[in-house]
PDBML (XML) file of the C-alpha atoms, coordinates in Angstrom:
<?xml version="1.0" encoding="UTF-8" ?>
<PDBx:datablock datablockName="MODEL"
   xmlns:PDBx="http://pdbml.pdb.org/schema/pdbx-v50.xsd"
   xmlns:xsi="http://www.w3.org/2001/XMLSchema-instance"
   xsi:schemaLocation="http://pdbml.pdb.org/schema/pdbx-v50.xsd pdbx-v50.xsd">
   <PDBx:atom_siteCategory>
      <PDBx:atom_site id="1">
         <PDBx:B_iso_or_equiv>0.00</PDBx:B_iso_or_equiv>
         <PDBx:Cartn_x>61.037</PDBx:Cartn_x>
         <PDBx:Cartn_y>15.972</PDBx:Cartn_y>
         <PDBx:Cartn_z>50.557</PDBx:Cartn_z>
         <PDBx:auth_asym_id>A</PDBx:auth_asym_id>
         <PDBx:auth_atom_id>CA</PDBx:auth_atom_id>
         <PDBx:auth_comp_id>GLN</PDBx:auth_comp_id>
         <PDBx:auth_seq_id>1</PDBx:auth_seq_id>
         <PDBx:group_PDB>ATOM</PDBx:group_PDB>
         <PDBx:label_alt_id xsi:nil="true" />
         <PDBx:label_asym_id>A</PDBx:label_asym_id>
         <PDBx:label_atom_id>CA</PDBx:label_atom_id>
         <PDBx:label_comp_id>GLN</PDBx:label_comp_id>
         <PDBx:label_entity_id>1</PDBx:label_entity_id>
         <PDBx:label_seq_id>1</PDBx:label_seq_id>
         <PDBx:occupancy>1.00</PDBx:occupancy>
         <PDBx:pdbx_PDB_model_num>1</PDBx:pdbx_PDB_model_num>
         <PDBx:type_symbol>C</PDBx:type_symbol>
      </PDBx:atom_site>
      <PDBx:atom_site id="2">
         <PDBx:B_iso_or_equiv>0.00</PDBx:B_iso_or_equiv>
         <PDBx:Cartn_x>58.515</PDBx:Cartn_x>
         <PDBx:Cartn_y>18.746</PDBx:Cartn_y>
         <PDBx:Cartn_z>51.078</PDBx:Cartn_z>
         <PDBx:auth_asym_id>A</PDBx:auth_asym_id>
         <PDBx:auth_atom_id>CA</PDBx:auth_atom_id>
         <PDBx:auth_comp_id>MET</PDBx:auth_comp_id>
         <PDBx:auth_seq_id>2</PDBx:auth_seq_id>
         <PDBx:group_PDB>ATOM</PDBx:group_PDB>
         <PDBx:label_alt_id xsi:nil="true" />
         <PDBx:label_asym_id>A</PDBx:label_asym_id>
         <PDBx:label_atom_id>CA</PDBx:label_atom_id>
         <PDBx:label_comp_id>MET</PDBx:label_comp_id>
         <PDBx:label_entity_id>1</PDBx:label_entity_id>
         <PDBx:label_seq_id>2</PDBx:label_seq_id>
         <PDBx:occupancy>1.00</PDBx:occupancy>
         <PDBx:pdbx_PDB_model_num>1</PDBx:pdbx_PDB_model_num>
         <PDBx:type_symbol>C</PDBx:type_symbol>
      </PDBx:atom_site>
      <PDBx:atom_site id="3">
         <PDBx:B_iso_or_equiv>0.00</PDBx:B_iso_or_equiv>
         <PDBx:Cartn_x>58.829</PDBx:Cartn_x>
         <PDBx:Cartn_y>21.950</PDBx:Cartn_y>
         <PDBx:Cartn_z>49.063</PDBx:Cartn_z>
         <PDBx:auth_asym_id>A</PDBx:auth_asym_id>
         <PDBx:auth_atom_id>CA</PDBx:auth_atom_id>
         <PDBx:auth_comp_id>ASN</PDBx:auth_comp_id>
         <PDBx:auth_seq_id>3</PDBx:auth_seq_id>
         <PDBx:group_PDB>ATOM</PDBx:group_PDB>
         <PDBx:label_alt_id xsi:nil="true" />
         <PDBx:label_asym_id>A</PDBx:label_asym_id>
         <PDBx:label_atom_id>CA</PDBx:label_atom_id>
         <PDBx:label_comp_id>ASN</PDBx:label_comp_id>
         <PDBx:label_entity_id>1</PDBx:label_entity_id>
         <PDBx:label_seq_id>3</PDBx:label_seq_id>
         <PDBx:occupancy>1.00</PDBx:occupancy>
         <PDBx:pdbx_PDB_model_num>1</PDBx:pdbx_PDB_model_num>
         <PDBx:type_symbol>C</PDBx:type_symbol>
      </PDBx:atom_site>
      <PDBx:atom_site id="4">
         <PDBx:B_iso_or_equiv>0.00</PDBx:B_iso_or_equiv>
         <PDBx:Cartn_x>56.647</PDBx:Cartn_x>
         <PDBx:Cartn_y>25.041</PDBx:Cartn_y>
         <PDBx:Cartn_z>48.731</PDBx:Cartn_z>
         <PDBx:auth_asym_id>A</PDBx:auth_asym_id>
         <PDBx:auth_atom_id>CA</PDBx:auth_atom_id>
         <PDBx:auth_comp_id>SER</PDBx:auth_comp_id>
         <PDBx:auth_seq_id>4</PDBx:auth_seq_id>
         <PDBx:group_PDB>ATOM</PDBx:group_PDB>
         <PDBx:label_alt_id xsi:nil="true" />
         <PDBx:label_asym_id>A</PDBx:label_asym_id>
         <PDBx:label_atom_id>CA</PDBx:label_atom_id>
         <PDBx:label_comp_id>SER</PDBx:label_comp_id>
         <PDBx:label_entity_id>1</PDBx:label_entity_id>
         <PDBx:label_seq_id>4</PDBx:label_seq_id>
         <PDBx:occupancy>1.00</PDBx:occupancy>
         <PDBx:pdbx_PDB_model_num>1</PDBx:pdbx_PDB_model_num>
         <PDBx:type_symbol>C</PDBx:type_symbol>
      </PDBx:atom_site>
      <PDBx:atom_site id="5">
         <PDBx:B_iso_or_equiv>0.00</PDBx:B_iso_or_equiv>
         <PDBx:Cartn_x>55.135</PDBx:Cartn_x>
         <PDBx:Cartn_y>24.305</PDBx:Cartn_y>
         <PDBx:Cartn_z>52.102</PDBx:Cartn_z>
         <PDBx:auth_asym_id>A</PDBx:auth_asym_id>
         <PDBx:auth_atom_id>CA</PDBx:auth_atom_id>
         <PDBx:auth_comp_id>LEU</PDBx:auth_comp_id>
         <PDBx:auth_seq_id>5</PDBx:auth_seq_id>
         <PDBx:group_PDB>ATOM</PDBx:group_PDB>
         <PDBx:label_alt_id xsi:nil="true" />
         <PDBx:label_asym_id>A</PDBx:label_asym_id>
         <PDBx:label_atom_id>CA</PDBx:label_atom_id>
         <PDBx:label_comp_id>LEU</PDBx:label_comp_id>
         <PDBx:label_entity_id>1</PDBx:label_entity_id>
         <PDBx:label_seq_id>5</PDBx:label_seq_id>
         <PDBx:occupancy>1.00</PDBx:occupancy>
         <PDBx:pdbx_PDB_model_num>1</PDBx:pdbx_PDB_model_num>
         <PDBx:type_symbol>C</PDBx:type_symbol>
      </PDBx:atom_site>
      <PDBx:atom_site id="6">
         <PDBx:B_iso_or_equiv>0.00</PDBx:B_iso_or_equiv>
         <PDBx:Cartn_x>51.810</PDBx:Cartn_x>
         <PDBx:Cartn_y>25.849</PDBx:Cartn_y>
         <PDBx:Cartn_z>53.025</PDBx:Cartn_z>
         <PDBx:auth_asym_id>A</PDBx:auth_asym_id>
         <PDBx:auth_atom_id>CA</PDBx:auth_atom_id>
         <PDBx:auth_comp_id>LYS</PDBx:auth_comp_id>
         <PDBx:auth_seq_id>6</PDBx:auth_seq_id>
         <PDBx:group_PDB>ATOM</PDBx:group_PDB>
         <PDBx:label_alt_id xsi:nil="true" />
         <PDBx:label_asym_id>A</PDBx:label_asym_id>
         <PDBx:label_atom_id>CA</PDBx:label_atom_id>
         <PDBx:label_comp_id>LYS</PDBx:label_comp_id>
         <PDBx:label_entity_id>1</PDBx:label_entity_id>
         <PDBx:label_seq_id>6</PDBx:label_seq_id>
         <PDBx:occupancy>1.00</PDBx:occupancy>
         <PDBx:pdbx_PDB_model_num>1</PDBx:pdbx_PDB_model_num>
         <PDBx:type_symbol>C</PDBx:type_symbol>
      </PDBx:atom_site>
      <PDBx:atom_site id="7">
         <PDBx:B_iso_or_equiv>0.00</PDBx:B_iso_or_equiv>
         <PDBx:Cartn_x>50.221</PDBx:Cartn_x>
         <PDBx:Cartn_y>26.477</PDBx:Cartn_y>
         <PDBx:Cartn_z>56.437</PDBx:Cartn_z>
         <PDBx:auth_asym_id>A</PDBx:auth_asym_id>
         <PDBx:auth_atom_id>CA</PDBx:auth_atom_id>
         <PDBx:auth_comp_id>PRO</PDBx:auth_comp_id>
         <PDBx:auth_seq_id>7</PDBx:auth_seq_id>
         <PDBx:group_PDB>ATOM</PDBx:group_PDB>
         <PDBx:label_alt_id xsi:nil="true" />
         <PDBx:label_asym_id>A</PDBx:label_asym_id>
         <PDBx:label_atom_id>CA</PDBx:label_atom_id>
         <PDBx:label_comp_id>PRO</PDBx:label_comp_id>
         <PDBx:label_entity_id>1</PDBx:label_entity_id>
         <PDBx:label_seq_id>7</PDBx:label_seq_id>
         <PDBx:occupancy>1.00</PDBx:occupancy>
         <PDBx:pdbx_PDB_model_num>1</PDBx:pdbx_PDB_model_num>
         <PDBx:type_symbol>C</PDBx:type_symbol>
      </PDBx:atom_site>
      <PDBx:atom_site id="8">
         <PDBx:B_iso_or_equiv>0.00</PDBx:B_iso_or_equiv>
         <PDBx:Cartn_x>47.687</PDBx:Cartn_x>
         <PDBx:Cartn_y>23.755</PDBx:Cartn_y>
         <PDBx:Cartn_z>55.634</PDBx:Cartn_z>
         <PDBx:auth_asym_id>A</PDBx:auth_asym_id>
         <PDBx:auth_atom_id>CA</PDBx:auth_atom_id>
         <PDBx:auth_comp_id>GLU</PDBx:auth_comp_id>
         <PDBx:auth_seq_id>8</PDBx:auth_seq_id>
         <PDBx:group_PDB>ATOM</PDBx:group_PDB>
         <PDBx:label_alt_id xsi:nil="true" />
         <PDBx:label_asym_id>A</PDBx:label_asym_id>
         <PDBx:label_atom_id>CA</PDBx:label_atom_id>
         <PDBx:label_comp_id>GLU</PDBx:label_comp_id>
         <PDBx:label_entity_id>1</PDBx:label_entity_id>
         <PDBx:label_seq_id>8</PDBx:label_seq_id>
         <PDBx:occupancy>1.00</PDBx:occupancy>
         <PDBx:pdbx_PDB_model_num>1</PDBx:pdbx_PDB_model_num>
         <PDBx:type_symbol>C</PDBx:type_symbol>
      </PDBx:atom_site>
      <PDBx:atom_site id="9">
         <PDBx:B_iso_or_equiv>0.00</PDBx:B_iso_or_equiv>
         <PDBx:Cartn_x>50.553</PDBx:Cartn_x>
         <PDBx:Cartn_y>21.249</PDBx:Cartn_y>
         <PDBx:Cartn_z>55.520</PDBx:Cartn_z>
         <PDBx:auth_asym_id>A</PDBx:auth_asym_id>
         <PDBx:auth_atom_id>CA</PDBx:auth_atom_id>
         <PDBx:auth_comp_id>ASP</PDBx:auth_comp_id>
         <PDBx:auth_seq_id>9</PDBx:auth_seq_id>
         <PDBx:group_PDB>ATOM</PDBx:group_PDB>
         <PDBx:label_alt_id xsi:nil="true" />
         <PDBx:label_asym_id>A</PDBx:label_asym_id>
         <PDBx:label_atom_id>CA</PDBx:label_atom_id>
         <PDBx:label_comp_id>ASP</PDBx:label_comp_id>
         <PDBx:label_entity_id>1</PDBx:label_entity_id>
         <PDBx:label_seq_id>9</PDBx:label_seq_id>
         <PDBx:occupancy>1.00</PDBx:occupancy>
         <PDBx:pdbx_PDB_model_num>1</PDBx:pdbx_PDB_model_num>
         <PDBx:type_symbol>C</PDBx:type_symbol>
      </PDBx:atom_site>
      <PDBx:atom_site id="10">
         <PDBx:B_iso_or_equiv>0.00</PDBx:B_iso_or_equiv>
         <PDBx:Cartn_x>50.904</PDBx:Cartn_x>
         <PDBx:Cartn_y>21.653</PDBx:Cartn_y>
         <PDBx:Cartn_z>59.288</PDBx:Cartn_z>
         <PDBx:auth_asym_id>A</PDBx:auth_asym_id>
         <PDBx:auth_atom_id>CA</PDBx:auth_atom_id>
         <PDBx:auth_comp_id>THR</PDBx:auth_comp_id>
         <PDBx:auth_seq_id>10</PDBx:auth_seq_id>
         <PDBx:group_PDB>ATOM</PDBx:group_PDB>
         <PDBx:label_alt_id xsi:nil="true" />
         <PDBx:label_asym_id>A</PDBx:label_asym_id>
         <PDBx:label_atom_id>CA</PDBx:label_atom_id>
         <PDBx:label_comp_id>THR</PDBx:label_comp_id>
         <PDBx:label_entity_id>1</PDBx:label_entity_id>
         <PDBx:label_seq_id>10</PDBx:label_seq_id>
         <PDBx:occupancy>1.00</PDBx:occupancy>
         <PDBx:pdbx_PDB_model_num>1</PDBx:pdbx_PDB_model_num>
         <PDBx:type_symbol>C</PDBx:type_symbol>
      </PDBx:atom_site>
      <PDBx:atom_site id="11">
         <PDBx:B_iso_or_equiv>0.00</PDBx:B_iso_or_equiv>
         <PDBx:Cartn_x>50.388</PDBx:Cartn_x>
         <PDBx:Cartn_y>18.242</PDBx:Cartn_y>
         <PDBx:Cartn_z>60.891</PDBx:Cartn_z>
         <PDBx:auth_asym_id>A</PDBx:auth_asym_id>
         <PDBx:auth_atom_id>CA</PDBx:auth_atom_id>
         <PDBx:auth_comp_id>ALA</PDBx:auth_comp_id>
         <PDBx:auth_seq_id>11</PDBx:auth_seq_id>
         <PDBx:group_PDB>ATOM</PDBx:group_PDB>
         <PDBx:label_alt_id xsi:nil="true" />
         <PDBx:label_asym_id>A</PDBx:label_asym_id>
         <PDBx:label_atom_id>CA</PDBx:label_atom_id>
         <PDBx:label_comp_id>ALA</PDBx:label_comp_id>
         <PDBx:label_entity_id>1</PDBx:label_entity_id>
         <PDBx:label_seq_id>11</PDBx:label_seq_id>
         <PDBx:occupancy>1.00</PDBx:occupancy>
         <PDBx:pdbx_PDB_model_num>1</PDBx:pdbx_PDB_model_num>
         <PDBx:type_symbol>C</PDBx:type_symbol>
      </PDBx:atom_site>
      <PDBx:atom_site id="12">
         <PDBx:B_iso_or_equiv>0.00</PDBx:B_iso_or_equiv>
         <PDBx:Cartn_x>52.067</PDBx:Cartn_x>
         <PDBx:Cartn_y>15.313</PDBx:Cartn_y>
         <PDBx:Cartn_z>62.571</PDBx:Cartn_z>
         <PDBx:auth_asym_id>A</PDBx:auth_asym_id>
         <PDBx:auth_atom_id>CA</PDBx:auth_atom_id>
         <PDBx:auth_comp_id>VAL</PDBx:auth_comp_id>
         <PDBx:auth_seq_id>12</PDBx:auth_seq_id>
         <PDBx:group_PDB>ATOM</PDBx:group_PDB>
         <PDBx:label_alt_id xsi:nil="true" />
         <PDBx:label_asym_id>A</PDBx:label_asym_id>
         <PDBx:label_atom_id>CA</PDBx:label_atom_id>
         <PDBx:label_comp_id>VAL</PDBx:label_comp_id>
         <PDBx:label_entity_id>1</PDBx:label_entity_id>
         <PDBx:label_seq_id>12</PDBx:label_seq_id>
         <PDBx:occupancy>1.00</PDBx:occupancy>
         <PDBx:pdbx_PDB_model_num>1</PDBx:pdbx_PDB_model_num>
         <PDBx:type_symbol>C</PDBx:type_symbol>
      </PDBx:atom_site>
      <PDBx:atom_site id="13">
         <PDBx:B_iso_or_equiv>0.00</PDBx:B_iso_or_equiv>
         <PDBx:Cartn_x>53.631</PDBx:Cartn_x>
         <PDBx:Cartn_y>13.221</PDBx:Cartn_y>
         <PDBx:Cartn_z>59.828</PDBx:Cartn_z>
         <PDBx:auth_asym_id>A</PDBx:auth_asym_id>
         <PDBx:auth_atom_id>CA</PDBx:auth_atom_id>
         <PDBx:auth_comp_id>TYR</PDBx:auth_comp_id>
         <PDBx:auth_seq_id>13</PDBx:auth_seq_id>
         <PDBx:group_PDB>ATOM</PDBx:group_PDB>
         <PDBx:label_alt_id xsi:nil="true" />
         <PDBx:label_asym_id>A</PDBx:label_asym_id>
         <PDBx:label_atom_id>CA</PDBx:label_atom_id>
         <PDBx:label_comp_id>TYR</PDBx:label_comp_id>
         <PDBx:label_entity_id>1</PDBx:label_entity_id>
         <PDBx:label_seq_id>13</PDBx:label_seq_id>
         <PDBx:occupancy>1.00</PDBx:occupancy>
         <PDBx:pdbx_PDB_model_num>1</PDBx:pdbx_PDB_model_num>
         <PDBx:type_symbol>C</PDBx:type_symbol>
      </PDBx:atom_site>
      <PDBx:atom_site id="14">
         <PDBx:B_iso_or_equiv>0.00</PDBx:B_iso_or_equiv>
         <PDBx:Cartn_x>53.847</PDBx:Cartn_x>
         <PDBx:Cartn_y>9.453</PDBx:Cartn_y>
         <PDBx:Cartn_z>60.134</PDBx:Cartn_z>
         <PDBx:auth_asym_id>A</PDBx:auth_asym_id>
         <PDBx:auth_atom_id>CA</PDBx:auth_atom_id>
         <PDBx:auth_comp_id>TYR</PDBx:auth_comp_id>
         <PDBx:auth_seq_id>14</PDBx:auth_seq_id>
         <PDBx:group_PDB>ATOM</PDBx:group_PDB>
         <PDBx:label_alt_id xsi:nil="true" />
         <PDBx:label_asym_id>A</PDBx:label_asym_id>
         <PDBx:label_atom_id>CA</PDBx:label_atom_id>
         <PDBx:label_comp_id>TYR</PDBx:label_comp_id>
         <PDBx:label_entity_id>1</PDBx:label_entity_id>
         <PDBx:label_seq_id>14</PDBx:label_seq_id>
         <PDBx:occupancy>1.00</PDBx:occupancy>
         <PDBx:pdbx_PDB_model_num>1</PDBx:pdbx_PDB_model_num>
         <PDBx:type_symbol>C</PDBx:type_symbol>
      </PDBx:atom_site>
      <PDBx:atom_site id="15">
         <PDBx:B_iso_or_equiv>0.00</PDBx:B_iso_or_equiv>
         <PDBx:Cartn_x>55.641</PDBx:Cartn_x>
         <PDBx:Cartn_y>6.858</PDBx:Cartn_y>
         <PDBx:Cartn_z>58.069</PDBx:Cartn_z>
         <PDBx:auth_asym_id>A</PDBx:auth_asym_id>
         <PDBx:auth_atom_id>CA</PDBx:auth_atom_id>
         <PDBx:auth_comp_id>CYS</PDBx:auth_comp_id>
         <PDBx:auth_seq_id>15</PDBx:auth_seq_id>
         <PDBx:group_PDB>ATOM</PDBx:group_PDB>
         <PDBx:label_alt_id xsi:nil="true" />
         <PDBx:label_asym_id>A</PDBx:label_asym_id>
         <PDBx:label_atom_id>CA</PDBx:label_atom_id>
         <PDBx:label_comp_id>CYS</PDBx:label_comp_id>
         <PDBx:label_entity_id>1</PDBx:label_entity_id>
         <PDBx:label_seq_id>15</PDBx:label_seq_id>
         <PDBx:occupancy>1.00</PDBx:occupancy>
         <PDBx:pdbx_PDB_model_num>1</PDBx:pdbx_PDB_model_num>
         <PDBx:type_symbol>C</PDBx:type_symbol>
      </PDBx:atom_site>
      <PDBx:atom_site id="16">
         <PDBx:B_iso_or_equiv>0.00</PDBx:B_iso_or_equiv>
         <PDBx:Cartn_x>54.188</PDBx:Cartn_x>
         <PDBx:Cartn_y>3.393</PDBx:Cartn_y>
         <PDBx:Cartn_z>57.687</PDBx:Cartn_z>
         <PDBx:auth_asym_id>A</PDBx:auth_asym_id>
         <PDBx:auth_atom_id>CA</PDBx:auth_atom_id>
         <PDBx:auth_comp_id>ALA</PDBx:auth_comp_id>
         <PDBx:auth_seq_id>16</PDBx:auth_seq_id>
         <PDBx:group_PDB>ATOM</PDBx:group_PDB>
         <PDBx:label_alt_id xsi:nil="true" />
         <PDBx:label_asym_id>A</PDBx:label_asym_id>
         <PDBx:label_atom_id>CA</PDBx:label_atom_id>
         <PDBx:label_comp_id>ALA</PDBx:label_comp_id>
         <PDBx:label_entity_id>1</PDBx:label_entity_id>
         <PDBx:label_seq_id>16</PDBx:label_seq_id>
         <PDBx:occupancy>1.00</PDBx:occupancy>
         <PDBx:pdbx_PDB_model_num>1</PDBx:pdbx_PDB_model_num>
         <PDBx:type_symbol>C</PDBx:type_symbol>
      </PDBx:atom_site>
      <PDBx:atom_site id="17">
         <PDBx:B_iso_or_equiv>0.00</PDBx:B_iso_or_equiv>
         <PDBx:Cartn_x>55.238</PDBx:Cartn_x>
         <PDBx:Cartn_y>0.049</PDBx:Cartn_y>
         <PDBx:Cartn_z>56.235</PDBx:Cartn_z>
         <PDBx:auth_asym_id>A</PDBx:auth_asym_id>
         <PDBx:auth_atom_id>CA</PDBx:auth_atom_id>
         <PDBx:auth_comp_id>ALA</PDBx:auth_comp_id>
         <PDBx:auth_seq_id>17</PDBx:auth_seq_id>
         <PDBx:group_PDB>ATOM</PDBx:group_PDB>
         <PDBx:label_alt_id xsi:nil="true" />
         <PDBx:label_asym_id>A</PDBx:label_asym_id>
         <PDBx:label_atom_id>CA</PDBx:label_atom_id>
         <PDBx:label_comp_id>ALA</PDBx:label_comp_id>
         <PDBx:label_entity_id>1</PDBx:label_entity_id>
         <PDBx:label_seq_id>17</PDBx:label_seq_id>
         <PDBx:occupancy>1.00</PDBx:occupancy>
         <PDBx:pdbx_PDB_model_num>1</PDBx:pdbx_PDB_model_num>
         <PDBx:type_symbol>C</PDBx:type_symbol>
      </PDBx:atom_site>
      <PDBx:atom_site id="18">
         <PDBx:B_iso_or_equiv>0.00</PDBx:B_iso_or_equiv>
         <PDBx:Cartn_x>53.308</PDBx:Cartn_x>
         <PDBx:Cartn_y>-2.521</PDBx:Cartn_y>
         <PDBx:Cartn_z>54.265</PDBx:Cartn_z>
         <PDBx:auth_asym_id>A</PDBx:auth_asym_id>
         <PDBx:auth_atom_id>CA</PDBx:auth_atom_id>
         <PDBx:auth_comp_id>ARG</PDBx:auth_comp_id>
         <PDBx:auth_seq_id>18</PDBx:auth_seq_id>
         <PDBx:group_PDB>ATOM</PDBx:group_PDB>
         <PDBx:label_alt_id xsi:nil="true" />
         <PDBx:label_asym_id>A</PDBx:label_asym_id>
         <PDBx:label_atom_id>CA</PDBx:label_atom_id>
         <PDBx:label_comp_id>ARG</PDBx:label_comp_id>
         <PDBx:label_entity_id>1</PDBx:label_entity_id>
         <PDBx:label_seq_id>18</PDBx:label_seq_id>
         <PDBx:occupancy>1.00</PDBx:occupancy>
         <PDBx:pdbx_PDB_model_num>1</PDBx:pdbx_PDB_model_num>
         <PDBx:type_symbol>C</PDBx:type_symbol>
      </PDBx:atom_site>
      <PDBx:atom_site id="19">
         <PDBx:B_iso_or_equiv>0.00</PDBx:B_iso_or_equiv>
         <PDBx:Cartn_x>55.460</PDBx:Cartn_x>
         <PDBx:Cartn_y>-5.662</PDBx:Cartn_y>
         <PDBx:Cartn_z>53.978</PDBx:Cartn_z>
         <PDBx:auth_asym_id>A</PDBx:auth_asym_id>
         <PDBx:auth_atom_id>CA</PDBx:auth_atom_id>
         <PDBx:auth_comp_id>PRO</PDBx:auth_comp_id>
         <PDBx:auth_seq_id>19</PDBx:auth_seq_id>
         <PDBx:group_PDB>ATOM</PDBx:group_PDB>
         <PDBx:label_alt_id xsi:nil="true" />
         <PDBx:label_asym_id>A</PDBx:label_asym_id>
         <PDBx:label_atom_id>CA</PDBx:label_atom_id>
         <PDBx:label_comp_id>PRO</PDBx:label_comp_id>
         <PDBx:label_entity_id>1</PDBx:label_entity_id>
         <PDBx:label_seq_id>19</PDBx:label_seq_id>
         <PDBx:occupancy>1.00</PDBx:occupancy>
         <PDBx:pdbx_PDB_model_num>1</PDBx:pdbx_PDB_model_num>
         <PDBx:type_symbol>C</PDBx:type_symbol>
      </PDBx:atom_site>
      <PDBx:atom_site id="20">
         <PDBx:B_iso_or_equiv>0.00</PDBx:B_iso_or_equiv>
         <PDBx:Cartn_x>53.153</PDBx:Cartn_x>
         <PDBx:Cartn_y>-7.635</PDBx:Cartn_y>
         <PDBx:Cartn_z>51.713</PDBx:Cartn_z>
         <PDBx:auth_asym_id>A</PDBx:auth_asym_id>
         <PDBx:auth_atom_id>CA</PDBx:auth_atom_id>
         <PDBx:auth_comp_id>ARG</PDBx:auth_comp_id>
         <PDBx:auth_seq_id>20</PDBx:auth_seq_id>
         <PDBx:group_PDB>ATOM</PDBx:group_PDB>
         <PDBx:label_alt_id xsi:nil="true" />
         <PDBx:label_asym_id>A</PDBx:label_asym_id>
         <PDBx:label_atom_id>CA</PDBx:label_atom_id>
         <PDBx:label_comp_id>ARG</PDBx:label_comp_id>
         <PDBx:label_entity_id>1</PDBx:label_entity_id>
         <PDBx:label_seq_id>20</PDBx:label_seq_id>
         <PDBx:occupancy>1.00</PDBx:occupancy>
         <PDBx:pdbx_PDB_model_num>1</PDBx:pdbx_PDB_model_num>
         <PDBx:type_symbol>C</PDBx:type_symbol>
      </PDBx:atom_site>
      <PDBx:atom_site id="21">
         <PDBx:B_iso_or_equiv>0.00</PDBx:B_iso_or_equiv>
         <PDBx:Cartn_x>51.681</PDBx:Cartn_x>
         <PDBx:Cartn_y>-6.747</PDBx:Cartn_y>
         <PDBx:Cartn_z>48.331</PDBx:Cartn_z>
         <PDBx:auth_asym_id>A</PDBx:auth_asym_id>
         <PDBx:auth_atom_id>CA</PDBx:auth_atom_id>
         <PDBx:auth_comp_id>TYR</PDBx:auth_comp_id>
         <PDBx:auth_seq_id>21</PDBx:auth_seq_id>
         <PDBx:group_PDB>ATOM</PDBx:group_PDB>
         <PDBx:label_alt_id xsi:nil="true" />
         <PDBx:label_asym_id>A</PDBx:label_asym_id>
         <PDBx:label_atom_id>CA</PDBx:label_atom_id>
         <PDBx:label_comp_id>TYR</PDBx:label_comp_id>
         <PDBx:label_entity_id>1</PDBx:label_entity_id>
         <PDBx:label_seq_id>21</PDBx:label_seq_id>
         <PDBx:occupancy>1.00</PDBx:occupancy>
         <PDBx:pdbx_PDB_model_num>1</PDBx:pdbx_PDB_model_num>
         <PDBx:type_symbol>C</PDBx:type_symbol>
      </PDBx:atom_site>
      <PDBx:atom_site id="22">
         <PDBx:B_iso_or_equiv>0.00</PDBx:B_iso_or_equiv>
         <PDBx:Cartn_x>48.857</PDBx:Cartn_x>
         <PDBx:Cartn_y>-4.216</PDBx:Cartn_y>
         <PDBx:Cartn_z>48.180</PDBx:Cartn_z>
         <PDBx:auth_asym_id>A</PDBx:auth_asym_id>
         <PDBx:auth_atom_id>CA</PDBx:auth_atom_id>
         <PDBx:auth_comp_id>ALA</PDBx:auth_comp_id>
         <PDBx:auth_seq_id>22</PDBx:auth_seq_id>
         <PDBx:group_PDB>ATOM</PDBx:group_PDB>
         <PDBx:label_alt_id xsi:nil="true" />
         <PDBx:label_asym_id>A</PDBx:label_asym_id>
         <PDBx:label_atom_id>CA</PDBx:label_atom_id>
         <PDBx:label_comp_id>ALA</PDBx:label_comp_id>
         <PDBx:label_entity_id>1</PDBx:label_entity_id>
         <PDBx:label_seq_id>22</PDBx:label_seq_id>
         <PDBx:occupancy>1.00</PDBx:occupancy>
         <PDBx:pdbx_PDB_model_num>1</PDBx:pdbx_PDB_model_num>
         <PDBx:type_symbol>C</PDBx:type_symbol>
      </PDBx:atom_site>
      <PDBx:atom_site id="23">
         <PDBx:B_iso_or_equiv>0.00</PDBx:B_iso_or_equiv>
         <PDBx:Cartn_x>47.130</PDBx:Cartn_x>
         <PDBx:Cartn_y>-2.612</PDBx:Cartn_y>
         <PDBx:Cartn_z>45.221</PDBx:Cartn_z>
         <PDBx:auth_asym_id>A</PDBx:auth_asym_id>
         <PDBx:auth_atom_id>CA</PDBx:auth_atom_id>
         <PDBx:auth_comp_id>THR</PDBx:auth_comp_id>
         <PDBx:auth_seq_id>23</PDBx:auth_seq_id>
         <PDBx:group_PDB>ATOM</PDBx:group_PDB>
         <PDBx:label_alt_id xsi:nil="true" />
         <PDBx:label_asym_id>A</PDBx:label_asym_id>
         <PDBx:label_atom_id>CA</PDBx:label_atom_id>
         <PDBx:label_comp_id>THR</PDBx:label_comp_id>
         <PDBx:label_entity_id>1</PDBx:label_entity_id>
         <PDBx:label_seq_id>23</PDBx:label_seq_id>
         <PDBx:occupancy>1.00</PDBx:occupancy>
         <PDBx:pdbx_PDB_model_num>1</PDBx:pdbx_PDB_model_num>
         <PDBx:type_symbol>C</PDBx:type_symbol>
      </PDBx:atom_site>
      <PDBx:atom_site id="24">
         <PDBx:B_iso_or_equiv>0.00</PDBx:B_iso_or_equiv>
         <PDBx:Cartn_x>47.778</PDBx:Cartn_x>
         <PDBx:Cartn_y>1.069</PDBx:Cartn_y>
         <PDBx:Cartn_z>44.538</PDBx:Cartn_z>
         <PDBx:auth_asym_id>A</PDBx:auth_asym_id>
         <PDBx:auth_atom_id>CA</PDBx:auth_atom_id>
         <PDBx:auth_comp_id>PRO</PDBx:auth_comp_id>
         <PDBx:auth_seq_id>24</PDBx:auth_seq_id>
         <PDBx:group_PDB>ATOM</PDBx:group_PDB>
         <PDBx:label_alt_id xsi:nil="true" />
         <PDBx:label_asym_id>A</PDBx:label_asym_id>
         <PDBx:label_atom_id>CA</PDBx:label_atom_id>
         <PDBx:label_comp_id>PRO</PDBx:label_comp_id>
         <PDBx:label_entity_id>1</PDBx:label_entity_id>
         <PDBx:label_seq_id>24</PDBx:label_seq_id>
         <PDBx:occupancy>1.00</PDBx:occupancy>
         <PDBx:pdbx_PDB_model_num>1</PDBx:pdbx_PDB_model_num>
         <PDBx:type_symbol>C</PDBx:type_symbol>
      </PDBx:atom_site>
      <PDBx:atom_site id="25">
         <PDBx:B_iso_or_equiv>0.00</PDBx:B_iso_or_equiv>
         <PDBx:Cartn_x>44.375</PDBx:Cartn_x>
         <PDBx:Cartn_y>2.066</PDBx:Cartn_y>
         <PDBx:Cartn_z>45.855</PDBx:Cartn_z>
         <PDBx:auth_asym_id>A</PDBx:auth_asym_id>
         <PDBx:auth_atom_id>CA</PDBx:auth_atom_id>
         <PDBx:auth_comp_id>SER</PDBx:auth_comp_id>
         <PDBx:auth_seq_id>25</PDBx:auth_seq_id>
         <PDBx:group_PDB>ATOM</PDBx:group_PDB>
         <PDBx:label_alt_id xsi:nil="true" />
         <PDBx:label_asym_id>A</PDBx:label_asym_id>
         <PDBx:label_atom_id>CA</PDBx:label_atom_id>
         <PDBx:label_comp_id>SER</PDBx:label_comp_id>
         <PDBx:label_entity_id>1</PDBx:label_entity_id>
         <PDBx:label_seq_id>25</PDBx:label_seq_id>
         <PDBx:occupancy>1.00</PDBx:occupancy>
         <PDBx:pdbx_PDB_model_num>1</PDBx:pdbx_PDB_model_num>
         <PDBx:type_symbol>C</PDBx:type_symbol>
      </PDBx:atom_site>
   </PDBx:atom_siteCategory>
</PDBx:datablock>
């Protein structure tokens, strides 16, 4: 959910999946 959108938010947006554990960083 994207609110208060700005011109600098213009981009192609991708989703991605990480099945196995990964640290927050």
